[in-house]
C-alpha atoms as a PDB file:
ATOM      1  CA  UNK A   1    -121.522 103.666 -90.166  1.00  0.00           C
ATOM      2  CA  UNK A   2    -119.042 101.305 -88.815  1.00  0.00           C
ATOM      3  CA  UNK A   3    -119.163  99.133 -92.281  1.00  0.00           C
ATOM      4  CA  UNK A   4    -118.214 102.618 -94.020  1.00  0.00           C
ATOM      5  CA  UNK A   5    -115.223 102.562 -91.845  1.00  0.00           C
ATOM      6  CA  UNK A   6    -114.102  98.598 -92.536  1.00  0.00           C
ATOM      7  CA  UNK A   7    -115.563  97.301 -89.981  1.00  0.00           C
ATOM      8  CA  UNK A   8    -115.934  93.975 -88.578  1.00  0.00           C
ATOM      9  CA  UNK A   9    -118.211  92.739 -85.623  1.00  0.00           C
ATOM     10  CA  UNK A  10    -116.853  89.451 -84.687  1.00  0.00           C
ATOM     11  CA  UNK A  11    -119.035  86.086 -83.684  1.00  0.00           C
ATOM     12  CA  UNK A  12    -119.319  86.483 -79.626  1.00  0.00           C
ATOM     13  CA  UNK A  13    -116.051  84.602 -78.030  1.00  0.00           C
ATOM     14  CA  UNK A  14    -118.263  83.886 -74.826  1.00  0.00           C
ATOM     15  CA  UNK A  15    -115.652  83.244 -72.145  1.00  0.00           C
ATOM     16  CA  UNK A  16    -112.765  84.237 -74.284  1.00  0.00           C
ATOM     17  CA  UNK A  17    -112.276  88.257 -72.618  1.00  0.00           C
ATOM     18  CA  UNK A  18    -115.288  89.423 -75.086  1.00  0.00           C
ATOM     19  CA  UNK A  19    -119.323  89.191 -75.968  1.00  0.00           C
ATOM     20  CA  UNK A  20    -118.186  90.908 -78.687  1.00  0.00           C
ATOM     21  CA  UNK A  21    -115.407  91.915 -80.475  1.00  0.00           C
ATOM     22  CA  UNK A  22    -115.351  95.332 -83.279  1.00  0.00           C
ATOM     23  CA  UNK A  23    -112.291  95.032 -85.772  1.00  0.00           C
ATOM     24  CA  UNK A  24    -111.645  98.162 -88.089  1.00  0.00           C
ATOM     25  CA  UNK A  25    -108.416  97.135 -89.886  1.00  0.00           C
ATOM     26  CA  UNK A  26    -108.739 100.678 -91.646  1.00  0.00           C
ATOM     27  CA  UNK A  27    -108.610 102.905 -89.008  1.00  0.00           C
ATOM     28  CA  UNK A  28    -106.246 101.380 -87.177  1.00  0.00           C
ATOM     29  CA  UNK A  29    -109.143 100.839 -83.715  1.00  0.00           C
ATOM     30  CA  UNK A  30    -110.424  97.319 -82.511  1.00  0.00           C
ATOM     31  CA  UNK A  31    -112.357  96.916 -79.166  1.00  0.00           C
ATOM     32  CA  UNK A  32    -113.035  93.559 -77.362  1.00  0.00           C
ATOM     33  CA  UNK A  33    -116.761  94.431 -75.500  1.00  0.00           C
ATOM     34  CA  UNK A  34    -118.482  92.970 -72.221  1.00  0.00           C
ATOM     35  CA  UNK A  35    -121.707  93.577 -72.233  1.00  0.00           C
ATOM     36  CA  UNK A  36    -124.595  93.295 -68.942  1.00  0.00           C
ATOM     37  CA  UNK A  37    -127.522  93.739 -67.443  1.00  0.00           C
ATOM     38  CA  UNK A  38    -129.024  94.127 -64.269  1.00  0.00           C
ATOM     39  CA  UNK A  39    -132.324  94.374 -63.004  1.00  0.00           C
ATOM     40  CA  UNK A  40    -135.295  94.961 -59.870  1.00  0.00           C
ATOM     41  CA  UNK A  41    -133.426  91.560 -58.757  1.00  0.00           C
ATOM     42  CA  UNK A  42    -130.381  91.539 -59.286  1.00  0.00           C
ATOM     43  CA  UNK A  43    -128.670  89.365 -56.563  1.00  0.00           C
ATOM     44  CA  UNK A  44    -125.009  90.593 -55.271  1.00  0.00           C
ATOM     45  CA  UNK A  45    -124.027  87.308 -56.136  1.00  0.00           C
ATOM     46  CA  UNK A  46    -124.980  88.314 -59.751  1.00  0.00           C
ATOM     47  CA  UNK A  47    -122.838  91.726 -59.172  1.00  0.00           C
ATOM     48  CA  UNK A  48    -119.939  90.149 -58.578  1.00  0.00           C
ATOM     49  CA  UNK A  49    -119.994  88.891 -62.292  1.00  0.00           C
ATOM     50  CA  UNK A  50    -119.952  91.715 -63.538  1.00  0.00           C
ATOM     51  CA  UNK A  51    -116.799  92.226 -61.199  1.00  0.00           C
ATOM     52  CA  UNK A  52    -115.392  89.140 -62.979  1.00  0.00           C
ATOM     53  CA  UNK A  53    -115.871  90.029 -66.090  1.00  0.00           C
ATOM     54  CA  UNK A  54    -113.807  93.246 -65.790  1.00  0.00           C
ATOM     55  CA  UNK A  55    -111.314  91.083 -64.131  1.00  0.00           C
ATOM     56  CA  UNK A  56    -111.331  89.071 -66.896  1.00  0.00           C
ATOM     57  CA  UNK A  57    -110.821  92.121 -69.339  1.00  0.00           C
ATOM     58  CA  UNK A  58    -107.940  93.307 -66.733  1.00  0.00           C
ATOM     59  CA  UNK A  59    -106.060  89.801 -67.733  1.00  0.00           C
ATOM     60  CA  UNK A  60    -106.072  90.455 -71.569  1.00  0.00           C
ATOM     61  CA  UNK A  61    -103.852  93.538 -71.257  1.00  0.00           C
ATOM     62  CA  UNK A  62    -101.271  95.005 -72.491  1.00  0.00           C
ATOM     63  CA  UNK A  63    -103.158  94.203 -75.967  1.00  0.00           C
ATOM     64  CA  UNK A  64    -103.147  96.311 -78.571  1.00  0.00           C
ATOM     65  CA  UNK A  65    -107.148  96.397 -78.431  1.00  0.00           C
ATOM     66  CA  UNK A  66    -109.658  99.030 -76.244  1.00  0.00           C
ATOM     67  CA  UNK A  67    -111.718  97.026 -73.658  1.00  0.00           C
ATOM     68  CA  UNK A  68    -114.994  97.965 -72.774  1.00  0.00           C
ATOM     69  CA  UNK A  69    -117.243  96.758 -70.109  1.00  0.00           C
ATOM     70  CA  UNK A  70    -120.973  97.711 -71.170  1.00  0.00           C
ATOM     71  CA  UNK A  71    -123.666  97.244 -68.699  1.00  0.00           C
ATOM     72  CA  UNK A  72    -127.513  97.800 -68.982  1.00  0.00           C
ATOM     73  CA  UNK A  73    -129.793  98.653 -66.509  1.00  0.00           C
ATOM     74  CA  UNK A  74    -134.031  98.044 -66.009  1.00  0.00           C
ATOM     75  CA  UNK A  75    -136.036  98.810 -63.821  1.00  0.00           C
ATOM     76  CA  UNK A  76    -140.228  97.886 -63.669  1.00  0.00           C
ATOM     77  CA  UNK A  77    -141.287  99.101 -60.640  1.00  0.00           C
ATOM     78  CA  UNK A  78    -144.923  97.841 -61.616  1.00  0.00           C
ATOM     79  CA  UNK A  79    -143.311  93.674 -62.828  1.00  0.00           C
ATOM     80  CA  UNK A  80    -144.646  91.335 -60.026  1.00  0.00           C
ATOM     81  CA  UNK A  81    -141.783  88.613 -60.086  1.00  0.00           C
ATOM     82  CA  UNK A  82    -143.258  85.581 -58.603  1.00  0.00           C
ATOM     83  CA  UNK A  83    -142.634  82.095 -58.502  1.00  0.00           C
ATOM     84  CA  UNK A  84    -142.167  79.617 -61.109  1.00  0.00           C
ATOM     85  CA  UNK A  85    -140.444  76.979 -62.477  1.00  0.00           C
ATOM     86  CA  UNK A  86    -138.434  77.093 -65.829  1.00  0.00           C
ATOM     87  CA  UNK A  87    -136.486  74.083 -67.377  1.00  0.00           C
ATOM     88  CA  UNK A  88    -136.963  71.965 -64.132  1.00  0.00           C
ATOM     89  CA  UNK A  89    -135.569  74.860 -62.095  1.00  0.00           C
ATOM     90  CA  UNK A  90    -137.631  76.752 -59.409  1.00  0.00           C
ATOM     91  CA  UNK A  91    -137.553  79.889 -58.358  1.00  0.00           C
ATOM     92  CA  UNK A  92    -138.809  82.053 -55.464  1.00  0.00           C
ATOM     93  CA  UNK A  93    -141.089  85.002 -55.378  1.00  0.00           C
ATOM     94  CA  UNK A  94    -138.498  87.399 -56.011  1.00  0.00           C
ATOM     95  CA  UNK A  95    -138.966  89.925 -53.080  1.00  0.00           C
ATOM     96  CA  UNK A  96    -135.289  91.383 -53.168  1.00  0.00           C
ATOM     97  CA  UNK A  97    -135.541  94.574 -55.204  1.00  0.00           C
ATOM     98  CA  UNK A  98    -133.420  97.314 -55.777  1.00  0.00           C
ATOM     99  CA  UNK A  99    -134.599 100.417 -55.532  1.00  0.00           C
ATOM    100  CA  UNK A 100    -134.179 101.645 -58.950  1.00  0.00           C
ATOM    101  CA  UNK A 101    -132.355 102.148 -61.884  1.00  0.00           C
ATOM    102  CA  UNK A 102    -129.793 104.649 -59.980  1.00  0.00           C
ATOM    103  CA  UNK A 103    -130.000 101.986 -56.956  1.00  0.00           C
ATOM    104  CA  UNK A 104    -128.535  99.250 -59.141  1.00  0.00           C
ATOM    105  CA  UNK A 105    -126.165 102.129 -61.151  1.00  0.00           C
ATOM    106  CA  UNK A 106    -124.436 102.673 -57.146  1.00  0.00           C
ATOM    107  CA  UNK A 107    -124.091  99.236 -56.897  1.00  0.00           C
ATOM    108  CA  UNK A 108    -122.234  98.436 -60.513  1.00  0.00           C
ATOM    109  CA  UNK A 109    -119.960 101.064 -59.398  1.00  0.00           C
ATOM    110  CA  UNK A 110    -119.468  99.703 -56.016  1.00  0.00           C
ATOM    111  CA  UNK A 111    -118.560  96.698 -57.513  1.00  0.00           C
ATOM    112  CA  UNK A 112    -116.524  97.406 -60.487  1.00  0.00           C
ATOM    113  CA  UNK A 113    -115.019 100.471 -58.021  1.00  0.00           C
ATOM    114  CA  UNK A 114    -114.689 102.737 -60.970  1.00  0.00           C
ATOM    115  CA  UNK A 115    -116.829 105.189 -62.613  1.00  0.00           C
ATOM    116  CA  UNK A 116    -117.553 104.692 -66.201  1.00  0.00           C
ATOM    117  CA  UNK A 117    -116.191 106.187 -68.982  1.00  0.00           C
ATOM    118  CA  UNK A 118    -119.644 107.104 -70.299  1.00  0.00           C
ATOM    119  CA  UNK A 119    -121.771 109.075 -68.391  1.00  0.00           C
ATOM    120  CA  UNK A 120    -119.280 109.294 -65.987  1.00  0.00           C
ATOM    121  CA  UNK A 121    -122.537 111.095 -62.903  1.00  0.00           C
ATOM    122  CA  UNK A 122    -124.923 108.754 -63.407  1.00  0.00           C
ATOM    123  CA  UNK A 123    -126.762 105.914 -66.370  1.00  0.00           C
ATOM    124  CA  UNK A 124    -127.896 107.164 -69.596  1.00  0.00           C
ATOM    125  CA  UNK A 125    -131.349 106.017 -68.856  1.00  0.00           C
ATOM    126  CA  UNK A 126    -134.802 105.919 -70.882  1.00  0.00           C
ATOM    127  CA  UNK A 127    -138.211 105.755 -70.234  1.00  0.00           C
ATOM    128  CA  UNK A 128    -138.887 102.602 -71.978  1.00  0.00           C
ATOM    129  CA  UNK A 129    -141.812 102.919 -74.513  1.00  0.00           C
ATOM    130  CA  UNK A 130    -144.570 100.830 -75.239  1.00  0.00           C
ATOM    131  CA  UNK A 131    -143.090  97.907 -78.013  1.00  0.00           C
ATOM    132  CA  UNK A 132    -143.961  97.265 -81.008  1.00  0.00           C
ATOM    133  CA  UNK A 133    -146.796  93.848 -81.272  1.00  0.00           C
ATOM    134  CA  UNK A 134    -144.335  91.474 -82.097  1.00  0.00           C
ATOM    135  CA  UNK A 135    -142.137  92.367 -79.026  1.00  0.00           C
ATOM    136  CA  UNK A 136    -145.220  92.212 -77.213  1.00  0.00           C
ATOM    137  CA  UNK A 137    -145.928  88.903 -78.575  1.00  0.00           C
ATOM    138  CA  UNK A 138    -142.434  87.226 -78.162  1.00  0.00           C
ATOM    139  CA  UNK A 139    -143.000  88.367 -74.117  1.00  0.00           C
ATOM    140  CA  UNK A 140    -146.160  86.797 -73.870  1.00  0.00           C
ATOM    141  CA  UNK A 141    -144.682  83.554 -75.536  1.00  0.00           C
ATOM    142  CA  UNK A 142    -141.884  83.524 -73.527  1.00  0.00           C
ATOM    143  CA  UNK A 143    -143.879  83.780 -70.034  1.00  0.00           C
ATOM    144  CA  UNK A 144    -145.662  80.516 -71.029  1.00  0.00           C
ATOM    145  CA  UNK A 145    -142.686  78.850 -70.822  1.00  0.00           C
ATOM    146  CA  UNK A 146    -142.700  79.285 -67.182  1.00  0.00           C
ATOM    147  CA  UNK A 147    -144.797  77.277 -65.131  1.00  0.00           C
ATOM    148  CA  UNK A 148    -147.789  78.657 -63.764  1.00  0.00           C
ATOM    149  CA  UNK A 149    -146.943  80.710 -66.704  1.00  0.00           C
ATOM    150  CA  UNK A 150    -145.950  84.561 -66.424  1.00  0.00           C
ATOM    151  CA  UNK A 151    -148.863  87.428 -66.958  1.00  0.00           C
ATOM    152  CA  UNK A 152    -147.758  90.027 -68.807  1.00  0.00           C
ATOM    153  CA  UNK A 153    -149.827  93.038 -69.312  1.00  0.00           C
ATOM    154  CA  UNK A 154    -146.843  95.830 -71.151  1.00  0.00           C
ATOM    155  CA  UNK A 155    -150.090  98.753 -69.854  1.00  0.00           C
ATOM    156  CA  UNK A 156    -149.569  98.031 -66.227  1.00  0.00           C
ATOM    157  CA  UNK A 157    -146.154  96.440 -66.209  1.00  0.00           C
ATOM    158  CA  UNK A 158    -144.219  98.733 -67.958  1.00  0.00           C
ATOM    159  CA  UNK A 159    -145.951 101.778 -66.532  1.00  0.00           C
ATOM    160  CA  UNK A 160    -142.651 103.730 -64.940  1.00  0.00           C
ATOM    161  CA  UNK A 161    -140.281 101.305 -66.397  1.00  0.00           C
ATOM    162  CA  UNK A 162    -136.654 102.848 -67.307  1.00  0.00           C
ATOM    163  CA  UNK A 163    -133.952 101.586 -69.468  1.00  0.00           C
ATOM    164  CA  UNK A 164    -130.024 102.401 -68.655  1.00  0.00           C
ATOM    165  CA  UNK A 165    -126.773 102.184 -70.721  1.00  0.00           C
ATOM    166  CA  UNK A 166    -123.321 102.917 -68.452  1.00  0.00           C
ATOM    167  CA  UNK A 167    -120.010 101.630 -70.585  1.00  0.00           C
ATOM    168  CA  UNK A 168    -116.279 101.565 -68.523  1.00  0.00           C
ATOM    169  CA  UNK A 169    -113.374 101.411 -70.538  1.00  0.00           C
ATOM    170  CA  UNK A 170    -110.811  99.044 -68.750  1.00  0.00           C
ATOM    171  CA  UNK A 171    -107.423 100.316 -68.380  1.00  0.00           C
ATOM    172  CA  UNK A 172    -105.875 102.460 -70.385  1.00  0.00           C
END
């Protein structure tokens, strides 16, 4: 649909105010988008990085582009985030847990100091459906990168799993 309107998605521009840039010269709209994800074990320090992205975009004003911050939320209440190492870096047993997706949304909203443009009252939430065999194989392959390898059983670990999203418009 965007391509029919002459829109172009530009490559990622890490550190320069936009993870994704949309250009749609024929309809006169351009957008720069920062994208973040939070989950059950997101720490307060990681939430502050979302605030930093918001501030980074605010510094781009005034500009002709629309500026957005999209935050994806993930809750895997039955996944065990145990200790291990990846690429030589050790990770402790992840006992810190947010109490679900709505708690994650509340914390992001608090850090950003504003309500999202969509949806306003709470994150848009969907149950996480069982992924395809190819995605499950990729997850299992990724799990083997850890030492000791993580075990992933979709029937157990994705039970009651939910994903969500909220979109903040930065400055009007």
